[in-house]
Amino acid sequence: MPSKFLWRVVFNAVGLWVMTEYLVPGISVASTEALLIAALVLGVVNAIVRPIVLILSLPLNILTLGLLTFVINGLMLSITAALVPGFYITTFWTAVWGAILLTVISYVLNALLVERD
C-alpha cells in the first residue's frame, strides 16, 4: 500500500493536470515531466514549509476565521511555481484560486480512492 505522502503526490498531479487543462487559465505546465515534478515539489513544500507558516500565522488566521489558510495555500503553490521550471502561474490570486480547487480535487480523490484503516 503506498504511503500517505505518495497518495498526496498522485492526487496533486491529477489535480494540477485538471486545473491546467480545464479549470484555471492562469496556471500552465510546459510538459508532463514539469507536472510530475511540480506535484512532487508541492508535496514537499506542503509537508515542510506549510506547517511552519501556519504556526507563525496562527494569530492572524484566527482573526480571519481561517480564511488566511487559502492565502497560505496559494503561497505554497506560488513557491512551487518559483521552484519548478515549466510550471507557471500568472498572478498570486490565480495561485490562491488554484490552491482552493486543488484542495477540493484532492479531497474528492482521497474520499473516493483511499482505503480507510
Protein backbone atom coordinates (compact mmCIF):
# COMPACT_ATOMS: atom_id res chain seq x y z
CA MET A 1 0.00 0.00 0.00
CA PRO A 2 1.51 3.35 -0.99
CA SER A 3 2.26 5.78 1.77
CA LYS A 4 0.13 8.79 2.58
CA PHE A 5 2.76 11.10 1.04
CA LEU A 6 2.73 9.14 -2.21
CA TRP A 7 -1.06 9.37 -2.40
CA ARG A 8 -0.81 13.14 -1.89
CA VAL A 9 1.71 13.43 -4.72
CA VAL A 10 -0.54 11.39 -7.03
CA PHE A 11 -3.59 13.47 -6.09
CA ASN A 12 -1.59 16.69 -6.55
CA ALA A 13 -0.53 15.52 -10.03
CA VAL A 14 -4.11 14.72 -11.02
CA GLY A 15 -5.38 17.98 -9.52
CA LEU A 16 -2.69 20.05 -11.22
CA TRP A 17 -3.43 18.37 -14.54
CA VAL A 18 -7.18 19.04 -14.24
CA MET A 19 -6.53 22.65 -13.24
CA THR A 20 -4.09 23.38 -16.05
CA GLU A 21 -6.13 21.66 -18.74
CA TYR A 22 -9.70 22.61 -17.83
CA LEU A 23 -10.23 24.97 -14.90
CA VAL A 24 -7.68 27.74 -14.39
CA PRO A 25 -6.37 29.57 -17.46
CA GLY A 26 -3.64 31.36 -15.46
CA ILE A 27 -1.87 28.13 -14.45
CA SER A 28 0.06 26.16 -17.04
CA VAL A 29 2.70 23.47 -17.37
CA ALA A 30 5.14 23.03 -20.23
CA SER A 31 5.30 19.24 -20.10
CA THR A 32 4.19 16.12 -18.30
CA GLU A 33 7.59 15.99 -16.64
CA ALA A 34 7.12 19.50 -15.25
CA LEU A 35 3.67 18.50 -13.98
CA LEU A 36 5.03 15.47 -12.12
CA ILE A 37 7.94 17.44 -10.67
CA ALA A 38 5.53 20.20 -9.60
CA ALA A 39 3.33 17.62 -7.85
CA LEU A 40 6.33 16.21 -6.00
CA VAL A 41 7.69 19.65 -5.04
CA LEU A 42 4.22 20.76 -3.90
CA GLY A 43 4.04 17.69 -1.68
CA VAL A 44 7.41 18.50 -0.13
CA VAL A 45 6.57 22.21 0.28
CA ASN A 46 3.25 21.31 1.91
CA ALA A 47 4.96 18.82 4.22
CA ILE A 48 7.84 21.09 5.31
CA VAL A 49 7.10 24.78 4.75
CA ARG A 50 3.31 24.94 5.18
CA PRO A 51 3.19 23.77 8.83
CA ILE A 52 5.78 26.39 9.81
CA VAL A 53 3.89 29.17 8.02
CA LEU A 54 0.59 28.04 9.58
CA ILE A 55 2.05 28.16 13.08
CA LEU A 56 3.63 31.58 12.54
CA SER A 57 0.40 32.98 11.09
CA LEU A 58 -1.92 31.41 13.69
CA PRO A 59 -2.98 34.67 15.42
CA LEU A 60 -3.86 36.32 12.11
CA ASN A 61 -5.52 33.13 10.90
CA ILE A 62 -7.74 33.17 14.00
CA LEU A 63 -8.65 36.80 13.35
CA THR A 64 -9.64 36.00 9.77
CA LEU A 65 -11.63 32.93 10.88
CA GLY A 66 -9.37 30.62 8.88
CA LEU A 67 -9.61 32.47 5.57
CA LEU A 68 -5.88 33.19 5.68
CA THR A 69 -5.35 29.46 5.11
CA PHE A 70 -6.49 29.90 1.50
CA VAL A 71 -3.88 32.62 1.01
CA ILE A 72 -1.21 30.40 2.61
CA ASN A 73 -2.16 27.54 0.27
CA GLY A 74 -1.83 29.95 -2.67
CA LEU A 75 1.58 30.93 -1.36
CA MET A 76 2.64 27.26 -1.30
CA LEU A 77 1.51 26.88 -4.92
CA SER A 78 3.41 30.07 -5.85
CA ILE A 79 6.56 28.75 -4.15
CA THR A 80 6.19 25.56 -6.17
CA ALA A 81 5.88 27.54 -9.40
CA ALA A 82 9.01 29.51 -8.50
CA LEU A 83 10.98 26.30 -7.89
CA VAL A 84 9.83 24.21 -10.87
CA PRO A 85 10.86 25.22 -14.40
CA GLY A 86 7.94 24.73 -16.76
CA PHE A 87 5.23 25.31 -14.13
CA TYR A 88 3.75 28.78 -14.46
CA ILE A 89 1.22 30.86 -12.51
CA THR A 90 0.33 34.31 -13.82
CA THR A 91 -0.77 36.06 -10.60
CA PHE A 92 -0.84 35.40 -6.89
CA TRP A 93 -4.66 35.40 -6.81
CA THR A 94 -4.66 32.83 -9.59
CA ALA A 95 -2.49 30.71 -7.28
CA VAL A 96 -4.98 31.17 -4.44
CA TRP A 97 -7.88 30.14 -6.69
CA GLY A 98 -5.85 27.18 -7.97
CA ALA A 99 -4.99 26.13 -4.41
CA ILE A 100 -8.68 26.16 -3.46
CA LEU A 101 -9.53 23.99 -6.47
CA LEU A 102 -6.59 21.68 -5.81
CA THR A 103 -7.79 21.20 -2.24
CA VAL A 104 -11.28 20.26 -3.45
CA ILE A 105 -9.96 17.89 -6.13
CA SER A 106 -7.56 16.20 -3.69
CA TYR A 107 -10.29 15.86 -1.07
CA VAL A 108 -12.68 14.21 -3.54
CA LEU A 109 -10.00 11.83 -4.85
CA ASN A 110 -8.96 10.96 -1.30
CA ALA A 111 -12.55 10.26 -0.29
CA LEU A 112 -13.17 8.05 -3.32
CA LEU A 113 -9.91 6.15 -3.68
CA VAL A 114 -8.05 5.79 -0.40
CA GLU A 115 -8.92 2.85 1.80
CA ARG A 116 -9.63 3.61 5.43
CA ASP A 117 -7.98 1.64 8.20
